[in-house]
Amino acid sequence: MTPVSNIAELPQRRTSDRVVRVAAVGDIHCGEEDRGAFRDHLARVNDDADVLVLCGDLTRRGLPAEFRTVVGELADVKTPITAVLGNHDHEAGQAAEGEAILRARGIHVLVGDPFQLNDHVGFVGTKGFMGGFGRAALTSFGEVETKAFVSATLEEVQRLEMGLRRLATPVRVVVLHYAPIAGTVAGEPEVIYPFLGCDRLAEPLDRYDATVVFHGHAHTGAFEGHTAGGVPVYNVSLPVLRKIGLATLYYVHEIPVGASSASPAPSALLQRP
């Protein structure tokens, strides 16, 4: 991360064909009463980035009316939008209807299937799931309920792996809700780490050379971390972005493409007090 002292110091420009700028945020938890709360802030992405990434928990309870409110808040966004759902978006048991509302708006909802932005940059994503990290990760042993829990995590890992295998672009951006590493949940109570993500998700990230990963869910976690293989991971939960003093509703990450695509560089748009 390369912070700057004031957002006004950043050049106001559209990205060139050698750079793509990804704006990412998660956990906006939009309810029906939030109409108008995010609209003007999200409209700024048209000048700040080439694509908007939403990392789940777009709603409070996953009600269709809330998804429609989210769509209303995105009414002025002209850039492509890609998203995954979060646990809150599944609460009401109407996630399929919520996905349909988002897709009707033109949002690329990722459930393992890739989205290619251009010849250089592609996106793959899935919700992810729980399970824990390292030696504390839950294993498929014992009761049938435990095995079903681990199986749900492994299904998400498989979706991510298959999406990465299908994505042919040199730059591969991964979108999750749950964390794939412990590093970006640091700051949360350790007792809830297993409910914030699972490092089984990290293995395909390293194996298929992901360029950068964005996730949410861990509201008091750390902003930045890396997989064991060095893939940068950013926790873009809105409470975390506020905690680090971000001047916008989203984090903007700048990725060189073409000949220099192997060296992604963040552009955080930070504003220090």
Foldseek 3Di string as FASTA:
>chain_A
DDADAALVPDDFAADDPQKFKEWEAEQPAFDLVCQPVQQVQLLCCQRVGQEYEYQANQHQALDLSRLVSSLNSCVNHPHAYEYEYEPNNPRVVCVVSSVVSCVVSVYHYADLAKAAPDQAEIEHEYAAFFAAEDPRGQDLDDDPVSVVRVVVNVVSLVSNLNNLVPDDHPAYEYHYAADLHVQFLPQPPPVCRRGRHYVSNVVSCLVSVHQEYEYERNLRGHAWDADPNGHIYGHRYQNNCVVQAAPGSTAMWMAGTDPRRNDTGGDGNHHDD
